[in-house]
Amino acid sequence: MKNTNTLSKDRLKKIVMNYAIYLILLIVVGVIVAVDPSFLQIGNLSYICTQASTRLILSLGVAGIIVLGGTDLAAGRMVGMAAVICASLLQAVESSTRVYQNMPRLPIFLPMLLAVVLCVIFCFVHGLIVAKLKVAPFIASLGIQQVVYGLFSIYFQGLANGSPIGSFDKRFTNFAQGAFHLGPVRIPYIAIYAVICTVIVWVIWNKTKIGKNMFAIGGNPEAAAVCGVNIVKGSLVIYILAGILYGFAGALEAGRTGSATNALGADYALDAIAACVVGGVSMRGGIGTIKGIVTGVIMFQIINYGLIFIGVSPYVQYAVKGSIILIAVAIDTQKYLKKK
């Protein structure tokens, strides 16, 4: 009888550890709905989906670096850089506030490509510093963050003198803000882009040598090197992939919000890291799933929007999100200790 009770307790503990985050989400959503049942309207859910899309694309890039055993505090600033680049080059020709008055109308994908290339360059340098020079990931990402923010702020201040850059070309606005309707449901284009990015990253992580090497490096770099994995090359590929995702997310975020400044993306990196951790991506490296990342991002967006929707103080929101992060990290640590 004692053994049966012990097994039941262990099973219950395992269930709680595996599904605690989902239970917390249900509780928070339950409280929000109890305060204001209109939260469950289709329009609100569509808005949450739109907000979550760029955050998901960003988090997919951050997650790969975390799985490698690193971190990326510079991700948000790269999103901001990409947004400012696209905003400055994709203003409507007829706009009186156009920063490049004599520039011809550009194809919308050209500035987006430039934004992606710039993010890839910085991510490549970041990866080299970590993988080749063996600088601690936290310090390397902190340094890259400052460099990126400083450089694109100089660019932004020189063009706009601190004023938001807006009045976008209608093609760019439609690309980021457009949608199609499936019955009463509005499905934004930006959500489709996020789904496509998610599928591509899932394939890379689960069906390619790149993904296998990423998990091997993050799990045990010494063992991976013994097995013939090129640590530097394998790491750089993941950093480059992150740069592509950051650049695309930044371009979409500019189009989604309708303007860009050098303040855009300030807290995005921490939100992305938090979403990854809540979704089960271990800060110890070597562990993570795409399903978990999607869950973490959506969970944070529901909580963010829901608490704003019912008028909760921003300071309470910080406290709630911080508590969820601490719980997620504690659960991850317990799982790790149990495996040992």
C-alpha atoms as a PDB file:
ATOM      1  CA  MET A   1       0.000   0.000   0.000  1.00  0.00           C
ATOM      2  CA  LYS A   2       2.827   2.354   0.840  1.00  0.00           C
ATOM      3  CA  ASN A   3       4.491   1.692  -2.492  1.00  0.00           C
ATOM      4  CA  THR A   4       1.220   2.425  -4.302  1.00  0.00           C
ATOM      5  CA  ASN A   5       0.864   5.748  -2.480  1.00  0.00           C
ATOM      6  CA  THR A   6       4.456   6.635  -3.310  1.00  0.00           C
ATOM      7  CA  LEU A   7       3.891   5.850  -6.995  1.00  0.00           C
ATOM      8  CA  SER A   8       0.701   7.945  -7.019  1.00  0.00           C
ATOM      9  CA  LYS A   9       2.513  10.895  -5.445  1.00  0.00           C
ATOM     10  CA  ASP A  10       5.379  10.609  -7.942  1.00  0.00           C
ATOM     11  CA  ARG A  11       2.914  10.449 -10.822  1.00  0.00           C
ATOM     12  CA  LEU A  12       1.032  13.473  -9.520  1.00  0.00           C
ATOM     13  CA  LYS A  13       4.294  15.403  -9.047  1.00  0.00           C
ATOM     14  CA  LYS A  14       5.351  14.559 -12.601  1.00  0.00           C
ATOM     15  CA  ILE A  15       1.998  15.737 -13.995  1.00  0.00           C
ATOM     16  CA  VAL A  16       2.203  18.993 -12.034  1.00  0.00           C
ATOM     17  CA  MET A  17       5.778  19.645 -13.212  1.00  0.00           C
ATOM     18  CA  ASN A  18       4.922  18.930 -16.852  1.00  0.00           C
ATOM     19  CA  TYR A  19       1.666  20.889 -16.969  1.00  0.00           C
ATOM     20  CA  ALA A  20       2.080  23.567 -14.280  1.00  0.00           C
ATOM     21  CA  ILE A  21       2.497  26.363 -16.824  1.00  0.00           C
ATOM     22  CA  TYR A  22      -0.685  25.368 -18.643  1.00  0.00           C
ATOM     23  CA  LEU A  23      -2.567  25.304 -15.347  1.00  0.00           C
ATOM     24  CA  ILE A  24      -1.290  28.799 -14.529  1.00  0.00           C
ATOM     25  CA  LEU A  25      -2.440  30.031 -17.957  1.00  0.00           C
ATOM     26  CA  LEU A  26      -5.897  28.550 -17.406  1.00  0.00           C
ATOM     27  CA  ILE A  27      -6.126  30.212 -13.996  1.00  0.00           C
ATOM     28  CA  VAL A  28      -5.062  33.635 -15.328  1.00  0.00           C
ATOM     29  CA  VAL A  29      -7.436  33.394 -18.305  1.00  0.00           C
ATOM     30  CA  GLY A  30     -10.200  32.259 -15.959  1.00  0.00           C
ATOM     31  CA  VAL A  31      -9.690  35.334 -13.769  1.00  0.00           C
ATOM     32  CA  ILE A  32      -9.639  37.652 -16.819  1.00  0.00           C
ATOM     33  CA  VAL A  33     -12.842  36.130 -18.227  1.00  0.00           C
ATOM     34  CA  ALA A  34     -14.512  36.308 -14.814  1.00  0.00           C
ATOM     35  CA  VAL A  35     -13.739  40.046 -14.642  1.00  0.00           C
ATOM     36  CA  ASP A  36     -14.765  40.714 -18.257  1.00  0.00           C
ATOM     37  CA  PRO A  37     -16.340  37.862 -20.320  1.00  0.00           C
ATOM     38  CA  SER A  38     -16.031  39.905 -23.528  1.00  0.00           C
ATOM     39  CA  PHE A  39     -12.320  39.019 -23.531  1.00  0.00           C
ATOM     40  CA  LEU A  40     -13.239  35.847 -25.445  1.00  0.00           C
ATOM     41  CA  GLN A  41     -14.596  37.762 -28.435  1.00  0.00           C
ATOM     42  CA  ILE A  42     -13.156  36.715 -31.792  1.00  0.00           C
ATOM     43  CA  GLY A  43     -11.806  40.232 -32.391  1.00  0.00           C
ATOM     44  CA  ASN A  44      -9.652  40.066 -29.255  1.00  0.00           C
ATOM     45  CA  LEU A  45      -8.316  36.639 -30.169  1.00  0.00           C
ATOM     46  CA  SER A  46      -7.424  37.893 -33.653  1.00  0.00           C
ATOM     47  CA  TYR A  47      -5.599  40.876 -32.118  1.00  0.00           C
ATOM     48  CA  ILE A  48      -3.643  38.581 -29.781  1.00  0.00           C
ATOM     49  CA  CYS A  49      -2.730  36.409 -32.753  1.00  0.00           C
ATOM     50  CA  THR A  50      -1.464  39.468 -34.648  1.00  0.00           C
ATOM     51  CA  GLN A  51       0.625  40.664 -31.702  1.00  0.00           C
ATOM     52  CA  ALA A  52       2.032  37.194 -31.083  1.00  0.00           C
ATOM     53  CA  SER A  53       3.156  36.673 -34.683  1.00  0.00           C
ATOM     54  CA  THR A  54       6.242  38.911 -34.725  1.00  0.00           C
ATOM     55  CA  ARG A  55       7.108  37.817 -31.177  1.00  0.00           C
ATOM     56  CA  LEU A  56       6.964  34.188 -32.291  1.00  0.00           C
ATOM     57  CA  ILE A  57       9.290  34.784 -35.243  1.00  0.00           C
ATOM     58  CA  LEU A  58      11.723  36.575 -32.922  1.00  0.00           C
ATOM     59  CA  SER A  59      11.475  33.838 -30.273  1.00  0.00           C
ATOM     60  CA  LEU A  60      12.236  31.109 -32.815  1.00  0.00           C
ATOM     61  CA  GLY A  61      15.580  32.807 -33.463  1.00  0.00           C
ATOM     62  CA  VAL A  62      16.343  33.363 -29.777  1.00  0.00           C
ATOM     63  CA  ALA A  63      15.385  29.764 -28.934  1.00  0.00           C
ATOM     64  CA  GLY A  64      18.019  28.310 -31.259  1.00  0.00           C
ATOM     65  CA  ILE A  65      20.751  30.297 -29.515  1.00  0.00           C
ATOM     66  CA  ILE A  66      19.443  29.210 -26.093  1.00  0.00           C
ATOM     67  CA  VAL A  67      19.446  25.560 -27.194  1.00  0.00           C
ATOM     68  CA  LEU A  68      23.114  26.061 -28.121  1.00  0.00           C
ATOM     69  CA  GLY A  69      23.676  26.981 -24.483  1.00  0.00           C
ATOM     70  CA  GLY A  70      23.820  30.737 -25.084  1.00  0.00           C
ATOM     71  CA  THR A  71      21.510  33.710 -24.807  1.00  0.00           C
ATOM     72  CA  ASP A  72      20.799  36.806 -26.877  1.00  0.00           C
ATOM     73  CA  LEU A  73      20.051  40.121 -25.199  1.00  0.00           C
ATOM     74  CA  ALA A  74      20.642  41.896 -28.515  1.00  0.00           C
ATOM     75  CA  ALA A  75      17.659  40.338 -30.309  1.00  0.00           C
ATOM     76  CA  GLY A  76      15.250  43.160 -29.460  1.00  0.00           C
ATOM     77  CA  ARG A  77      17.640  45.870 -30.609  1.00  0.00           C
ATOM     78  CA  MET A  78      18.132  44.030 -33.902  1.00  0.00           C
ATOM     79  CA  VAL A  79      14.374  44.002 -34.368  1.00  0.00           C
ATOM     80  CA  GLY A  80      14.423  47.750 -33.737  1.00  0.00           C
ATOM     81  CA  MET A  81      17.250  48.237 -36.238  1.00  0.00           C
ATOM     82  CA  ALA A  82      15.411  46.245 -38.916  1.00  0.00           C
ATOM     83  CA  ALA A  83      12.225  48.208 -38.237  1.00  0.00           C
ATOM     84  CA  VAL A  84      13.962  51.591 -38.560  1.00  0.00           C
ATOM     85  CA  ILE A  85      15.743  50.552 -41.775  1.00  0.00           C
ATOM     86  CA  CYS A  86      12.491  49.405 -43.387  1.00  0.00           C
ATOM     87  CA  ALA A  87      10.561  52.411 -42.089  1.00  0.00           C
ATOM     88  CA  SER A  88      13.061  54.904 -43.488  1.00  0.00           C
ATOM     89  CA  LEU A  89      13.156  53.260 -46.929  1.00  0.00           C
ATOM     90  CA  LEU A  90       9.485  52.383 -47.347  1.00  0.00           C
ATOM     91  CA  GLN A  91       7.707  55.669 -46.719  1.00  0.00           C
ATOM     92  CA  ALA A  92       5.035  56.712 -49.189  1.00  0.00           C
ATOM     93  CA  VAL A  93       6.407  58.797 -52.074  1.00  0.00           C
ATOM     94  CA  GLU A  94       3.751  61.455 -51.496  1.00  0.00           C
ATOM     95  CA  SER A  95       4.510  61.799 -47.765  1.00  0.00           C
ATOM     96  CA  SER A  96       5.598  65.296 -46.715  1.00  0.00           C
ATOM     97  CA  THR A  97       7.649  63.797 -43.862  1.00  0.00           C
ATOM     98  CA  ARG A  98       9.602  61.449 -46.105  1.00  0.00           C
ATOM     99  CA  VAL A  99      13.211  61.270 -44.885  1.00  0.00           C
ATOM    100  CA  TYR A 100      14.614  60.441 -48.357  1.00  0.00           C
ATOM    101  CA  GLN A 101      12.704  62.938 -50.498  1.00  0.00           C
ATOM    102  CA  ASN A 102      14.530  62.201 -53.769  1.00  0.00           C
ATOM    103  CA  MET A 103      14.659  58.427 -53.482  1.00  0.00           C
ATOM    104  CA  PRO A 104      12.557  56.515 -56.045  1.00  0.00           C
ATOM    105  CA  ARG A 105       9.826  54.123 -54.922  1.00  0.00           C
ATOM    106  CA  LEU A 106      11.541  50.867 -53.945  1.00  0.00           C
ATOM    107  CA  PRO A 107      10.243  47.299 -54.192  1.00  0.00           C
ATOM    108  CA  ILE A 108       9.120  46.464 -50.621  1.00  0.00           C
ATOM    109  CA  PHE A 109      11.310  43.373 -50.417  1.00  0.00           C
ATOM    110  CA  LEU A 110      14.529  45.304 -51.085  1.00  0.00           C
ATOM    111  CA  PRO A 111      14.626  47.220 -47.733  1.00  0.00           C
ATOM    112  CA  MET A 112      13.414  44.070 -45.976  1.00  0.00           C
ATOM    113  CA  LEU A 113      16.310  42.143 -47.491  1.00  0.00           C
ATOM    114  CA  LEU A 114      18.728  44.884 -46.399  1.00  0.00           C
ATOM    115  CA  ALA A 115      17.353  44.682 -42.842  1.00  0.00           C
ATOM    116  CA  VAL A 116      17.798  40.904 -42.818  1.00  0.00           C
ATOM    117  CA  VAL A 117      21.367  41.150 -44.152  1.00  0.00           C
ATOM    118  CA  LEU A 118      22.346  43.666 -41.448  1.00  0.00           C
ATOM    119  CA  CYS A 119      20.883  41.449 -38.712  1.00  0.00           C
ATOM    120  CA  VAL A 120      22.699  38.421 -40.148  1.00  0.00           C
ATOM    121  CA  ILE A 121      26.014  40.304 -40.117  1.00  0.00           C
ATOM    122  CA  PHE A 122      25.645  41.265 -36.451  1.00  0.00           C
ATOM    123  CA  CYS A 123      24.485  37.772 -35.503  1.00  0.00           C
ATOM    124  CA  PHE A 124      27.428  36.260 -37.383  1.00  0.00           C
ATOM    125  CA  VAL A 125      29.836  38.474 -35.442  1.00  0.00           C
ATOM    126  CA  HIS A 126      28.019  37.573 -32.223  1.00  0.00           C
ATOM    127  CA  GLY A 127      28.361  33.867 -33.031  1.00  0.00           C
ATOM    128  CA  LEU A 128      32.064  34.214 -33.808  1.00  0.00           C
ATOM    129  CA  ILE A 129      32.702  35.976 -30.503  1.00  0.00           C
ATOM    130  CA  VAL A 130      30.949  33.198 -28.575  1.00  0.00           C
ATOM    131  CA  ALA A 131      31.995  30.101 -30.551  1.00  0.00           C
ATOM    132  CA  LYS A 132      35.485  31.098 -31.683  1.00  0.00           C
ATOM    133  CA  LEU A 133      36.712  33.495 -29.000  1.00  0.00           C
ATOM    134  CA  LYS A 134      34.903  31.631 -26.167  1.00  0.00           C
ATOM    135  CA  VAL A 135      33.457  34.823 -24.680  1.00  0.00           C
ATOM    136  CA  ALA A 136      30.622  34.170 -22.229  1.00  0.00           C
ATOM    137  CA  PRO A 137      27.311  34.368 -24.171  1.00  0.00           C
ATOM    138  CA  PHE A 138      25.764  36.849 -21.733  1.00  0.00           C
ATOM    139  CA  ILE A 139      28.684  39.287 -22.047  1.00  0.00           C
ATOM    140  CA  ALA A 140      28.912  38.868 -25.825  1.00  0.00           C
ATOM    141  CA  SER A 141      25.206  39.520 -26.323  1.00  0.00           C
ATOM    142  CA  LEU A 142      25.314  42.512 -23.968  1.00  0.00           C
ATOM    143  CA  GLY A 143      28.151  44.019 -25.994  1.00  0.00           C
ATOM    144  CA  ILE A 144      26.445  43.378 -29.351  1.00  0.00           C
ATOM    145  CA  GLN A 145      23.258  44.880 -27.945  1.00  0.00           C
ATOM    146  CA  GLN A 146      25.029  48.142 -27.108  1.00  0.00           C
ATOM    147  CA  VAL A 147      26.815  48.305 -30.465  1.00  0.00           C
ATOM    148  CA  VAL A 148      23.637  47.665 -32.479  1.00  0.00           C
ATOM    149  CA  TYR A 149      21.585  50.145 -30.470  1.00  0.00           C
ATOM    150  CA  GLY A 150      24.263  52.827 -30.697  1.00  0.00           C
ATOM    151  CA  LEU A 151      24.750  52.516 -34.454  1.00  0.00           C
ATOM    152  CA  PHE A 152      21.130  52.414 -35.516  1.00  0.00           C
ATOM    153  CA  SER A 153      20.268  55.225 -33.066  1.00  0.00           C
ATOM    154  CA  ILE A 154      22.860  57.412 -34.813  1.00  0.00           C
ATOM    155  CA  TYR A 155      21.179  56.550 -38.139  1.00  0.00           C
ATOM    156  CA  PHE A 156      17.697  57.236 -36.733  1.00  0.00           C
ATOM    157  CA  GLN A 157      18.597  60.541 -35.059  1.00  0.00           C
ATOM    158  CA  GLY A 158      20.362  61.744 -38.188  1.00  0.00           C
ATOM    159  CA  LEU A 159      17.275  61.110 -40.324  1.00  0.00           C
ATOM    160  CA  ALA A 160      14.313  61.834 -38.100  1.00  0.00           C
ATOM    161  CA  ASN A 161      15.816  63.853 -35.233  1.00  0.00           C
ATOM    162  CA  GLY A 162      13.968  61.688 -32.717  1.00  0.00           C
ATOM    163  CA  SER A 163      10.548  61.772 -34.411  1.00  0.00           C
ATOM    164  CA  PRO A 164       8.800  58.478 -35.295  1.00  0.00           C
ATOM    165  CA  ILE A 165       9.177  57.424 -38.918  1.00  0.00           C
ATOM    166  CA  GLY A 166       5.768  56.635 -40.409  1.00  0.00           C
ATOM    167  CA  SER A 167       3.531  57.277 -43.444  1.00  0.00           C
ATOM    168  CA  PHE A 168       4.443  54.008 -45.108  1.00  0.00           C
ATOM    169  CA  ASP A 169       3.946  52.883 -48.666  1.00  0.00           C
ATOM    170  CA  LYS A 170       0.524  51.225 -48.898  1.00  0.00           C
ATOM    171  CA  ARG A 171       2.103  48.030 -50.281  1.00  0.00           C
ATOM    172  CA  PHE A 172       4.212  47.658 -47.136  1.00  0.00           C
ATOM    173  CA  THR A 173       1.290  48.471 -44.837  1.00  0.00           C
ATOM    174  CA  ASN A 174      -0.896  45.899 -46.578  1.00  0.00           C
ATOM    175  CA  PHE A 175       1.888  43.304 -46.444  1.00  0.00           C
ATOM    176  CA  ALA A 176       2.096  43.621 -42.660  1.00  0.00           C
ATOM    177  CA  GLN A 177      -1.457  44.617 -41.708  1.00  0.00           C
ATOM    178  CA  GLY A 178      -3.542  42.904 -44.379  1.00  0.00           C
ATOM    179  CA  ALA A 179      -5.836  39.968 -43.734  1.00  0.00           C
ATOM    180  CA  PHE A 180      -8.378  37.674 -45.322  1.00  0.00           C
ATOM    181  CA  HIS A 181     -11.670  36.527 -43.840  1.00  0.00           C
ATOM    182  CA  LEU A 182     -12.762  32.965 -43.292  1.00  0.00           C
ATOM    183  CA  GLY A 183     -16.409  33.450 -42.431  1.00  0.00           C
ATOM    184  CA  PRO A 184     -16.540  35.751 -39.379  1.00  0.00           C
ATOM    185  CA  VAL A 185     -12.887  35.069 -38.549  1.00  0.00           C
ATOM    186  CA  ARG A 186     -10.244  37.581 -39.619  1.00  0.00           C
ATOM    187  CA  ILE A 187      -6.946  35.858 -40.378  1.00  0.00           C
ATOM    188  CA  PRO A 188      -4.061  38.374 -40.614  1.00  0.00           C
ATOM    189  CA  TYR A 189      -1.319  37.851 -43.184  1.00  0.00           C
ATOM    190  CA  ILE A 190       1.260  38.324 -40.456  1.00  0.00           C
ATOM    191  CA  ALA A 191      -0.028  35.183 -38.705  1.00  0.00           C
ATOM    192  CA  ILE A 192       0.460  33.224 -41.943  1.00  0.00           C
ATOM    193  CA  TYR A 193       4.068  34.439 -42.147  1.00  0.00           C
ATOM    194  CA  ALA A 194       4.596  33.316 -38.529  1.00  0.00           C
ATOM    195  CA  VAL A 195       3.178  29.867 -39.299  1.00  0.00           C
ATOM    196  CA  ILE A 196       5.460  29.524 -42.337  1.00  0.00           C
ATOM    197  CA  CYS A 197       8.514  30.531 -40.276  1.00  0.00           C
ATOM    198  CA  THR A 198       7.501  28.085 -37.539  1.00  0.00           C
ATOM    199  CA  VAL A 199       7.190  25.201 -40.010  1.00  0.00           C
ATOM    200  CA  ILE A 200      10.566  26.008 -41.593  1.00  0.00           C
ATOM    201  CA  VAL A 201      12.337  26.176 -38.221  1.00  0.00           C
ATOM    202  CA  TRP A 202      10.609  22.965 -37.086  1.00  0.00           C
ATOM    203  CA  VAL A 203      11.958  21.181 -40.173  1.00  0.00           C
ATOM    204  CA  ILE A 204      15.465  22.574 -39.570  1.00  0.00           C
ATOM    205  CA  TRP A 205      15.425  21.537 -35.910  1.00  0.00           C
ATOM    206  CA  ASN A 206      13.946  18.080 -36.377  1.00  0.00           C
ATOM    207  CA  LYS A 207      14.777  16.894 -39.892  1.00  0.00           C
ATOM    208  CA  THR A 208      18.221  18.256 -40.738  1.00  0.00           C
ATOM    209  CA  LYS A 209      21.809  17.814 -39.679  1.00  0.00           C
ATOM    210  CA  ILE A 210      21.833  21.476 -38.634  1.00  0.00           C
ATOM    211  CA  GLY A 211      19.243  20.752 -35.950  1.00  0.00           C
ATOM    212  CA  LYS A 212      20.931  17.585 -34.744  1.00  0.00           C
ATOM    213  CA  ASN A 213      24.233  19.408 -34.411  1.00  0.00           C
ATOM    214  CA  MET A 214      22.528  22.271 -32.553  1.00  0.00           C
ATOM    215  CA  PHE A 215      21.118  19.937 -29.897  1.00  0.00           C
ATOM    216  CA  ALA A 216      24.415  18.057 -29.680  1.00  0.00           C
ATOM    217  CA  ILE A 217      26.418  21.267 -29.142  1.00  0.00           C
ATOM    218  CA  GLY A 218      23.975  22.558 -26.551  1.00  0.00           C
ATOM    219  CA  GLY A 219      23.729  19.245 -24.729  1.00  0.00           C
ATOM    220  CA  ASN A 220      27.437  18.457 -24.497  1.00  0.00           C
ATOM    221  CA  PRO A 221      29.876  20.398 -26.710  1.00  0.00           C
ATOM    222  CA  GLU A 222      32.850  18.224 -25.757  1.00  0.00           C
ATOM    223  CA  ALA A 223      31.026  15.035 -26.737  1.00  0.00           C
ATOM    224  CA  ALA A 224      29.751  16.695 -29.914  1.00  0.00           C
ATOM    225  CA  ALA A 225      33.317  17.653 -30.903  1.00  0.00           C
ATOM    226  CA  VAL A 226      34.494  14.073 -30.285  1.00  0.00           C
ATOM    227  CA  CYS A 227      31.701  12.837 -32.570  1.00  0.00           C
ATOM    228  CA  GLY A 228      32.968  15.068 -35.377  1.00  0.00           C
ATOM    229  CA  VAL A 229      30.650  18.054 -35.034  1.00  0.00           C
ATOM    230  CA  ASN A 230      32.268  21.337 -36.062  1.00  0.00           C
ATOM    231  CA  ILE A 231      31.302  23.467 -33.048  1.00  0.00           C
ATOM    232  CA  VAL A 232      32.096  26.838 -34.607  1.00  0.00           C
ATOM    233  CA  LYS A 233      30.405  26.123 -37.927  1.00  0.00           C
ATOM    234  CA  GLY A 234      27.389  24.486 -36.293  1.00  0.00           C
ATOM    235  CA  SER A 235      26.943  27.444 -33.940  1.00  0.00           C
ATOM    236  CA  LEU A 236      27.338  30.070 -36.670  1.00  0.00           C
ATOM    237  CA  VAL A 237      24.592  28.485 -38.783  1.00  0.00           C
ATOM    238  CA  ILE A 238      22.147  28.861 -35.880  1.00  0.00           C
ATOM    239  CA  TYR A 239      23.211  32.475 -35.263  1.00  0.00           C
ATOM    240  CA  ILE A 240      22.732  33.251 -38.966  1.00  0.00           C
ATOM    241  CA  LEU A 241      19.266  31.678 -38.880  1.00  0.00           C
ATOM    242  CA  ALA A 242      18.476  33.850 -35.847  1.00  0.00           C
ATOM    243  CA  GLY A 243      19.607  36.951 -37.779  1.00  0.00           C
ATOM    244  CA  ILE A 244      17.262  36.118 -40.660  1.00  0.00           C
ATOM    245  CA  LEU A 245      14.344  35.734 -38.266  1.00  0.00           C
ATOM    246  CA  TYR A 246      15.203  38.949 -36.381  1.00  0.00           C
ATOM    247  CA  GLY A 247      15.357  40.960 -39.597  1.00  0.00           C
ATOM    248  CA  PHE A 248      12.046  39.621 -40.862  1.00  0.00           C
ATOM    249  CA  ALA A 249      10.372  40.137 -37.481  1.00  0.00           C
ATOM    250  CA  GLY A 250      11.632  43.729 -37.352  1.00  0.00           C
ATOM    251  CA  ALA A 251      10.330  44.530 -40.822  1.00  0.00           C
ATOM    252  CA  LEU A 252       6.914  43.105 -39.950  1.00  0.00           C
ATOM    253  CA  GLU A 253       6.832  44.939 -36.617  1.00  0.00           C
ATOM    254  CA  ALA A 254       7.395  48.276 -38.329  1.00  0.00           C
ATOM    255  CA  GLY A 255       4.589  47.579 -40.777  1.00  0.00           C
ATOM    256  CA  ARG A 256       2.290  46.257 -38.051  1.00  0.00           C
ATOM    257  CA  THR A 257       2.673  49.254 -35.732  1.00  0.00           C
ATOM    258  CA  GLY A 258       2.719  51.832 -38.540  1.00  0.00           C
ATOM    259  CA  SER A 259       5.868  53.627 -37.381  1.00  0.00           C
ATOM    260  CA  ALA A 260       9.335  53.013 -35.969  1.00  0.00           C
ATOM    261  CA  THR A 261      11.770  54.693 -33.584  1.00  0.00           C
ATOM    262  CA  ASN A 262      15.008  53.621 -31.968  1.00  0.00           C
ATOM    263  CA  ALA A 263      12.991  52.685 -28.863  1.00  0.00           C
ATOM    264  CA  LEU A 264      11.169  49.883 -30.687  1.00  0.00           C
ATOM    265  CA  GLY A 265      12.229  46.427 -29.504  1.00  0.00           C
ATOM    266  CA  ALA A 266      13.697  47.590 -26.188  1.00  0.00           C
ATOM    267  CA  ASP A 267      12.182  44.771 -24.088  1.00  0.00           C
ATOM    268  CA  TYR A 268      11.569  42.262 -26.854  1.00  0.00           C
ATOM    269  CA  ALA A 269      14.655  40.149 -26.144  1.00  0.00           C
ATOM    270  CA  LEU A 270      13.718  39.580 -22.510  1.00  0.00           C
ATOM    271  CA  ASP A 271      10.130  38.760 -23.496  1.00  0.00           C
ATOM    272  CA  ALA A 272      11.386  36.274 -26.097  1.00  0.00           C
ATOM    273  CA  ILE A 273      13.772  34.611 -23.644  1.00  0.00           C
ATOM    274  CA  ALA A 274      10.976  34.427 -21.071  1.00  0.00           C
ATOM    275  CA  ALA A 275       8.580  32.882 -23.607  1.00  0.00           C
ATOM    276  CA  CYS A 276      11.196  30.288 -24.545  1.00  0.00           C
ATOM    277  CA  VAL A 277      11.886  29.386 -20.913  1.00  0.00           C
ATOM    278  CA  VAL A 278       8.174  29.134 -20.121  1.00  0.00           C
ATOM    279  CA  GLY A 279       7.821  26.950 -23.215  1.00  0.00           C
ATOM    280  CA  GLY A 280      10.376  24.479 -21.927  1.00  0.00           C
ATOM    281  CA  VAL A 281      13.571  25.625 -23.679  1.00  0.00           C
ATOM    282  CA  SER A 282      16.226  24.943 -21.068  1.00  0.00           C
ATOM    283  CA  MET A 283      18.723  27.687 -20.277  1.00  0.00           C
ATOM    284  CA  ARG A 284      21.227  24.878 -19.714  1.00  0.00           C
ATOM    285  CA  GLY A 285      21.147  24.126 -23.450  1.00  0.00           C
ATOM    286  CA  GLY A 286      20.344  21.064 -25.492  1.00  0.00           C
ATOM    287  CA  ILE A 287      16.602  20.990 -24.758  1.00  0.00           C
ATOM    288  CA  GLY A 288      13.690  22.678 -26.511  1.00  0.00           C
ATOM    289  CA  THR A 289      10.724  22.114 -28.810  1.00  0.00           C
ATOM    290  CA  ILE A 290       8.954  24.274 -31.368  1.00  0.00           C
ATOM    291  CA  LYS A 291       5.611  23.389 -29.773  1.00  0.00           C
ATOM    292  CA  GLY A 292       6.894  24.709 -26.451  1.00  0.00           C
ATOM    293  CA  ILE A 293       8.079  27.983 -27.990  1.00  0.00           C
ATOM    294  CA  VAL A 294       4.716  28.567 -29.673  1.00  0.00           C
ATOM    295  CA  THR A 295       2.951  27.817 -26.373  1.00  0.00           C
ATOM    296  CA  GLY A 296       5.221  30.181 -24.424  1.00  0.00           C
ATOM    297  CA  VAL A 297       4.755  33.071 -26.860  1.00  0.00           C
ATOM    298  CA  ILE A 298       0.980  32.704 -27.056  1.00  0.00           C
ATOM    299  CA  MET A 299       0.752  32.353 -23.289  1.00  0.00           C
ATOM    300  CA  PHE A 300       2.631  35.600 -22.677  1.00  0.00           C
ATOM    301  CA  GLN A 301       0.603  37.484 -25.282  1.00  0.00           C
ATOM    302  CA  ILE A 302      -2.681  36.280 -23.787  1.00  0.00           C
ATOM    303  CA  ILE A 303      -1.553  37.336 -20.323  1.00  0.00           C
ATOM    304  CA  ASN A 304      -0.167  40.683 -21.559  1.00  0.00           C
ATOM    305  CA  TYR A 305      -3.248  41.622 -23.523  1.00  0.00           C
ATOM    306  CA  GLY A 306      -5.659  40.130 -20.996  1.00  0.00           C
ATOM    307  CA  LEU A 307      -4.264  42.082 -18.060  1.00  0.00           C
ATOM    308  CA  ILE A 308      -4.294  45.299 -20.098  1.00  0.00           C
ATOM    309  CA  PHE A 309      -7.846  44.484 -21.241  1.00  0.00           C
ATOM    310  CA  ILE A 310      -9.177  44.370 -17.677  1.00  0.00           C
ATOM    311  CA  GLY A 311      -7.193  47.455 -16.648  1.00  0.00           C
ATOM    312  CA  VAL A 312      -4.535  45.889 -14.441  1.00  0.00           C
ATOM    313  CA  SER A 313      -1.643  48.184 -13.480  1.00  0.00           C
ATOM    314  CA  PRO A 314       1.534  47.770 -15.585  1.00  0.00           C
ATOM    315  CA  TYR A 315       3.465  47.161 -12.372  1.00  0.00           C
ATOM    316  CA  VAL A 316       1.192  44.232 -11.485  1.00  0.00           C
ATOM    317  CA  GLN A 317       1.733  42.895 -15.003  1.00  0.00           C
ATOM    318  CA  TYR A 318       5.488  42.891 -14.447  1.00  0.00           C
ATOM    319  CA  ALA A 319       4.996  41.051 -11.153  1.00  0.00           C
ATOM    320  CA  VAL A 320       2.758  38.416 -12.756  1.00  0.00           C
ATOM    321  CA  LYS A 321       5.120  37.814 -15.680  1.00  0.00           C
ATOM    322  CA  GLY A 322       8.145  37.687 -13.383  1.00  0.00           C
ATOM    323  CA  SER A 323       6.441  35.127 -11.152  1.00  0.00           C
ATOM    324  CA  ILE A 324       5.625  32.926 -14.136  1.00  0.00           C
ATOM    325  CA  ILE A 325       9.239  33.080 -15.331  1.00  0.00           C
ATOM    326  CA  LEU A 326      10.523  32.117 -11.868  1.00  0.00           C
ATOM    327  CA  ILE A 327       8.109  29.182 -11.691  1.00  0.00           C
ATOM    328  CA  ALA A 328       9.160  27.995 -15.157  1.00  0.00           C
ATOM    329  CA  VAL A 329      12.869  28.175 -14.320  1.00  0.00           C
ATOM    330  CA  ALA A 330      12.283  26.408 -10.986  1.00  0.00           C
ATOM    331  CA  ILE A 331      10.444  23.584 -12.754  1.00  0.00           C
ATOM    332  CA  ASP A 332      13.210  23.329 -15.356  1.00  0.00           C
ATOM    333  CA  THR A 333      15.833  23.138 -12.583  1.00  0.00           C
ATOM    334  CA  GLN A 334      13.917  20.437 -10.728  1.00  0.00           C
ATOM    335  CA  LYS A 335      13.645  18.368 -13.901  1.00  0.00           C
ATOM    336  CA  TYR A 336      17.388  18.712 -14.451  1.00  0.00           C
ATOM    337  CA  LEU A 337      18.256  17.726 -10.873  1.00  0.00           C
ATOM    338  CA  LYS A 338      15.931  14.743 -11.054  1.00  0.00           C
ATOM    339  CA  LYS A 339      17.626  13.480 -14.214  1.00  0.00           C
ATOM    340  CA  LYS A 340      21.004  13.713 -12.475  1.00  0.00           C
END
